[in-house]
Amino acid sequence: MLLANKVLLENKVAVIYGAGGSIGGAVACAFAREGARVFLAGRTQAKLAKVADEIHAQGGAAETALVDALNEHAVDAYVDAVATQAGQIDISFNLISVGDVQEPLMEIGIADFLQPITIAMRTQFLTTRAAARHMVKRGSGVILAFGGGGPQTMPGLGGFKIALDALEGLRRQWAVELGPHGIRVVTLKTGGIPESIPDTLPERDEIIASLLPGTLLKRTATLADVGNVAAFVASDQARTITATEVNISCGAIID
């Protein structure tokens, strides 16, 4: 007798910040495909609506909201409203961009240098804390972040790589404080996704060309890869994974 395949995120409620972006949209679609009810937060309604329409067309459940993920009151109010409406929050994934300016350290201004660090820390702290308040009450939950650090770097990144390293420090601290409440905290890192690089970026072709040679598998992660891995990590099948990074860089980043 054949058993029907069970979806990974059945009856789960997921909040995704930056859901209108290419990576956020891919994750949202993957979560919905795996049975989650997804709440899409971002700054541009048209982009959020496009993702929601795709999910609805596939028979999934998605709702959108304009949320400034750097605003403490806005984040808290939004998460409280989602928890009231859905009855729970099982997954929180922050995928907003950090506004990085990539220039050599000897040339970059202090404001541009600090910008990605400040944005990453503020938004990840606020969205995690807001979700954790509800997850602690239920004794379970998954916090996901994107873009982990590591020992490798390259010249000219300004504060961007430092922001990623700071994100890992924050992830470790949240993991040890939330772990006793049954809440897992995990970062996904890719080493670069060609599909996510805007067509309007002048250096797009050069950036894409530089990604492949550094991988061990001679391929790069796709948006579908990110969505699939994120769905698995957020699921109960990955219930032993916390306080760590999940490396899907095809060997571009060696741990």
Protein backbone atom coordinates (compact mmCIF):
# COMPACT_ATOMS: atom_id res chain seq x y z
CA MET A 1 0.00 0.00 0.00
CA LEU A 2 1.41 3.39 -0.99
CA LEU A 3 1.25 6.15 1.58
CA ALA A 4 0.52 9.69 0.46
CA ASN A 5 3.48 12.06 0.77
CA LYS A 6 3.09 14.28 3.81
CA VAL A 7 4.02 17.91 3.34
CA LEU A 8 6.79 19.24 5.56
CA LEU A 9 5.05 22.28 7.03
CA GLU A 10 1.48 21.13 7.43
CA ASN A 11 -0.46 23.34 9.88
CA LYS A 12 2.53 25.66 10.35
CA VAL A 13 2.29 29.45 10.36
CA ALA A 14 5.24 31.32 8.85
CA VAL A 15 6.07 35.03 8.84
CA ILE A 16 8.50 36.10 6.11
CA TYR A 17 10.06 39.57 6.02
CA GLY A 18 11.36 40.79 2.68
CA ALA A 19 8.91 38.42 1.04
CA GLY A 20 8.63 40.59 -2.06
CA GLY A 21 12.26 40.00 -2.98
CA SER A 22 13.47 37.16 -5.15
CA ILE A 23 14.83 35.08 -2.27
CA GLY A 24 11.97 35.89 0.08
CA GLY A 25 9.45 35.06 -2.62
CA ALA A 26 11.11 31.72 -3.35
CA VAL A 27 11.07 30.82 0.32
CA ALA A 28 7.44 31.88 0.71
CA CYS A 29 6.38 29.75 -2.25
CA ALA A 30 8.30 26.75 -0.91
CA PHE A 31 6.77 27.12 2.54
CA ALA A 32 3.27 27.37 1.07
CA ARG A 33 3.88 24.38 -1.19
CA GLU A 34 4.83 22.40 1.90
CA GLY A 35 1.57 23.28 3.60
CA ALA A 36 2.38 26.39 5.64
CA ARG A 37 0.10 29.37 5.95
CA VAL A 38 2.39 32.24 5.05
CA PHE A 39 2.25 35.89 6.06
CA LEU A 40 4.25 38.04 3.67
CA ALA A 41 5.75 41.27 5.02
CA GLY A 42 7.59 43.89 3.02
CA ARG A 43 7.69 47.49 1.85
CA THR A 44 6.22 47.21 -1.67
CA GLN A 45 2.65 45.99 -2.02
CA ALA A 46 2.94 45.18 -5.73
CA LYS A 47 5.85 42.81 -5.12
CA LEU A 48 4.12 41.15 -2.18
CA ALA A 49 0.91 40.76 -4.19
CA LYS A 50 2.81 39.06 -7.02
CA VAL A 51 4.19 36.45 -4.62
CA ALA A 52 0.80 35.98 -2.97
CA ASP A 53 -0.88 35.51 -6.36
CA GLU A 54 1.64 32.80 -7.24
CA ILE A 55 0.95 31.02 -3.98
CA HIS A 56 -2.80 31.31 -4.41
CA ALA A 57 -2.55 29.94 -7.95
CA GLN A 58 -0.88 26.85 -6.51
CA GLY A 59 -3.62 26.41 -3.94
CA GLY A 60 -1.66 27.84 -1.01
CA ALA A 61 -2.62 30.33 1.69
CA ALA A 62 -0.87 33.71 1.84
CA GLU A 63 -1.60 37.16 3.21
CA THR A 64 0.36 40.37 2.71
CA ALA A 65 1.14 43.41 4.84
CA LEU A 66 3.31 46.49 4.50
CA VAL A 67 5.73 46.41 7.42
CA ASP A 68 8.85 48.41 8.19
CA ALA A 69 11.05 45.70 9.68
CA LEU A 70 13.27 48.35 11.27
CA ASN A 71 10.42 49.89 13.25
CA GLU A 72 10.01 48.36 16.70
CA HIS A 73 6.37 49.29 17.14
CA ALA A 74 5.43 48.20 13.62
CA VAL A 75 7.10 44.80 13.98
CA ASP A 76 5.60 44.09 17.40
CA ALA A 77 2.11 45.14 16.30
CA TYR A 78 2.33 43.07 13.12
CA VAL A 79 3.49 39.90 14.84
CA ASP A 80 0.89 40.26 17.58
CA ALA A 81 -1.81 40.65 14.91
CA VAL A 82 -0.62 37.56 13.03
CA ALA A 83 -0.55 35.50 16.22
CA THR A 84 -4.06 36.65 17.12
CA GLN A 85 -5.39 35.89 13.65
CA ALA A 86 -3.62 32.57 13.06
CA GLY A 87 -3.48 31.40 16.65
CA GLN A 88 0.28 30.75 16.56
CA ILE A 89 3.59 31.58 14.91
CA ASP A 90 5.82 28.62 14.09
CA ILE A 91 8.42 30.14 11.77
CA SER A 92 9.96 33.60 11.42
CA PHE A 93 12.36 34.25 8.53
CA ASN A 94 13.93 37.68 7.99
CA LEU A 95 15.22 38.19 4.45
CA ILE A 96 15.29 41.98 4.13
CA SER A 97 18.23 43.61 2.39
CA VAL A 98 20.75 45.46 4.56
CA GLY A 99 21.54 48.43 2.31
CA ASP A 100 25.22 47.64 1.99
CA VAL A 101 27.64 49.98 0.22
CA GLN A 102 30.59 47.96 -1.00
CA GLU A 103 33.80 49.99 -1.09
CA PRO A 104 37.33 49.50 0.31
CA LEU A 105 37.60 50.34 4.00
CA MET A 106 40.14 53.09 3.32
CA GLU A 107 37.65 54.82 1.01
CA ILE A 108 34.22 54.24 2.53
CA GLY A 109 32.53 56.81 4.77
CA ILE A 110 31.61 55.89 8.31
CA ALA A 111 27.86 56.12 7.69
CA ASP A 112 28.03 53.81 4.66
CA PHE A 113 30.29 51.42 6.56
CA LEU A 114 27.94 51.14 9.54
CA GLN A 115 24.69 51.03 7.56
CA PRO A 116 24.51 47.27 6.81
CA ILE A 117 25.70 46.39 10.32
CA THR A 118 23.11 48.62 11.96
CA ILE A 119 20.28 47.47 9.70
CA ALA A 120 21.08 43.77 10.07
CA MET A 121 21.33 43.94 13.84
CA ARG A 122 18.26 46.07 14.34
CA THR A 123 15.90 44.16 12.08
CA GLN A 124 17.05 40.69 13.08
CA PHE A 125 16.81 41.56 16.77
CA LEU A 126 13.34 43.08 16.46
CA THR A 127 11.75 40.38 14.31
CA THR A 128 13.26 37.54 16.36
CA ARG A 129 12.19 39.04 19.67
CA ALA A 130 8.65 39.67 18.43
CA ALA A 131 8.22 36.09 17.23
CA ALA A 132 9.96 34.57 20.26
CA ARG A 133 7.48 36.18 22.63
CA HIS A 134 4.76 34.02 21.10
CA MET A 135 6.91 30.94 20.50
CA VAL A 136 8.02 30.77 24.15
CA LYS A 137 4.40 30.42 25.24
CA ARG A 138 3.97 27.35 23.01
CA GLY A 139 7.38 25.85 23.71
CA SER A 140 8.36 25.59 20.06
CA GLY A 141 9.32 27.58 16.98
CA VAL A 142 11.98 28.20 14.35
CA ILE A 143 13.87 31.43 13.71
CA LEU A 144 15.69 31.58 10.38
CA ALA A 145 18.22 34.12 9.13
CA PHE A 146 19.98 34.39 5.79
CA GLY A 147 23.57 35.16 4.79
CA GLY A 148 25.88 33.71 7.41
CA GLY A 149 29.52 34.58 7.92
CA GLY A 150 32.71 32.54 8.02
CA PRO A 151 36.46 33.08 7.82
CA GLN A 152 36.56 33.88 4.10
CA THR A 153 36.23 37.40 2.80
CA MET A 154 37.44 39.59 -0.05
CA PRO A 155 38.50 43.22 -0.49
CA GLY A 156 36.05 46.05 -1.07
CA LEU A 157 33.00 44.79 0.82
CA GLY A 158 32.72 47.73 3.19
CA GLY A 159 30.66 46.71 6.22
CA PHE A 160 28.74 43.95 4.45
CA LYS A 161 30.82 40.94 5.52
CA ILE A 162 31.11 42.38 9.00
CA ALA A 163 27.30 42.60 9.13
CA LEU A 164 27.08 38.91 8.21
CA ASP A 165 29.54 38.00 10.95
CA ALA A 166 27.58 40.09 13.44
CA LEU A 167 24.44 38.26 12.36
CA GLU A 168 26.10 34.99 13.36
CA GLY A 169 26.98 36.37 16.77
CA LEU A 170 23.37 37.41 17.27
CA ARG A 171 22.16 34.00 16.07
CA ARG A 172 24.35 32.24 18.64
CA GLN A 173 23.07 34.43 21.45
CA TRP A 174 19.42 33.92 20.51
CA ALA A 175 19.98 30.17 20.14
CA VAL A 176 21.34 29.69 23.66
CA GLU A 177 18.63 31.85 25.21
CA LEU A 178 15.70 30.40 23.26
CA GLY A 179 16.82 26.78 23.14
CA PRO A 180 15.46 25.93 26.61
CA HIS A 181 12.04 27.04 25.32
CA GLY A 182 12.16 24.60 22.40
CA ILE A 183 12.96 27.29 19.82
CA ARG A 184 15.55 26.61 17.12
CA VAL A 185 17.68 29.35 15.53
CA VAL A 186 19.47 28.65 12.23
CA THR A 187 21.19 30.65 9.48
CA LEU A 188 21.24 29.70 5.79
CA LYS A 189 24.20 30.80 3.67
CA THR A 190 24.65 30.40 -0.07
CA GLY A 191 27.74 32.18 -1.37
CA GLY A 192 25.64 33.95 -4.02
CA ILE A 193 22.55 33.21 -6.14
CA PRO A 194 22.76 34.38 -9.77
CA GLU A 195 18.96 34.58 -10.11
CA SER A 196 18.78 37.08 -7.27
CA ILE A 197 21.13 39.61 -8.88
CA PRO A 198 19.07 42.41 -10.51
CA ASP A 199 19.21 42.70 -14.30
CA THR A 200 19.74 46.44 -13.89
CA LEU A 201 23.01 46.05 -11.98
CA PRO A 202 25.85 47.12 -14.34
CA GLU A 203 28.29 44.54 -12.95
CA ARG A 204 25.74 41.69 -13.03
CA ASP A 205 27.48 39.56 -15.66
CA GLU A 206 30.87 39.95 -14.01
CA ILE A 207 29.48 39.03 -10.59
CA ILE A 208 27.74 35.93 -11.93
CA ALA A 209 30.87 34.86 -13.80
CA SER A 210 32.88 35.14 -10.59
CA LEU A 211 30.58 32.89 -8.56
CA LEU A 212 30.97 29.57 -10.35
CA PRO A 213 34.77 29.07 -10.32
CA GLY A 214 34.89 29.28 -6.54
CA THR A 215 32.45 26.43 -5.96
CA LEU A 216 33.50 22.82 -5.42
CA LEU A 217 30.46 21.39 -7.20
CA LYS A 218 30.85 23.69 -10.22
CA ARG A 219 27.33 25.03 -9.83
CA THR A 220 25.70 27.67 -7.69
CA ALA A 221 22.63 27.57 -5.48
CA THR A 222 19.33 28.44 -7.13
CA LEU A 223 16.31 30.17 -5.65
CA ALA A 224 14.56 26.80 -5.66
CA ASP A 225 17.46 25.34 -3.66
CA VAL A 226 17.09 28.03 -1.02
CA GLY A 227 13.33 27.47 -0.76
CA ASN A 228 13.66 23.70 -0.52
CA VAL A 229 16.38 23.79 2.13
CA ALA A 230 14.59 26.48 4.12
CA ALA A 231 11.40 24.38 4.16
CA PHE A 232 13.32 21.36 5.41
CA VAL A 233 15.18 23.31 8.11
CA ALA A 234 11.92 24.90 9.28
CA SER A 235 10.21 21.51 9.47
CA ASP A 236 10.06 19.02 12.32
CA GLN A 237 12.30 16.70 10.32
CA ALA A 238 15.14 19.08 11.21
CA ARG A 239 14.17 19.29 14.87
CA THR A 240 17.74 18.52 16.02
CA ILE A 241 19.30 21.41 14.07
CA THR A 242 19.88 24.66 15.95
CA ALA A 243 22.62 27.14 16.87
CA THR A 244 24.34 26.65 13.52
CA GLU A 245 24.56 27.59 9.87
CA VAL A 246 23.29 25.44 7.02
CA ASN A 247 25.76 25.84 4.18
CA ILE A 248 24.22 25.54 0.71
CA SER A 249 27.02 27.34 -1.13
CA CYS A 250 27.99 24.33 -3.28
CA GLY A 251 31.40 24.50 -1.61
CA ALA A 252 32.06 28.19 -2.31
CA ILE A 253 32.25 28.68 1.45
CA ILE A 254 34.24 26.01 3.26
CA ASP A 255 33.46 25.64 6.97
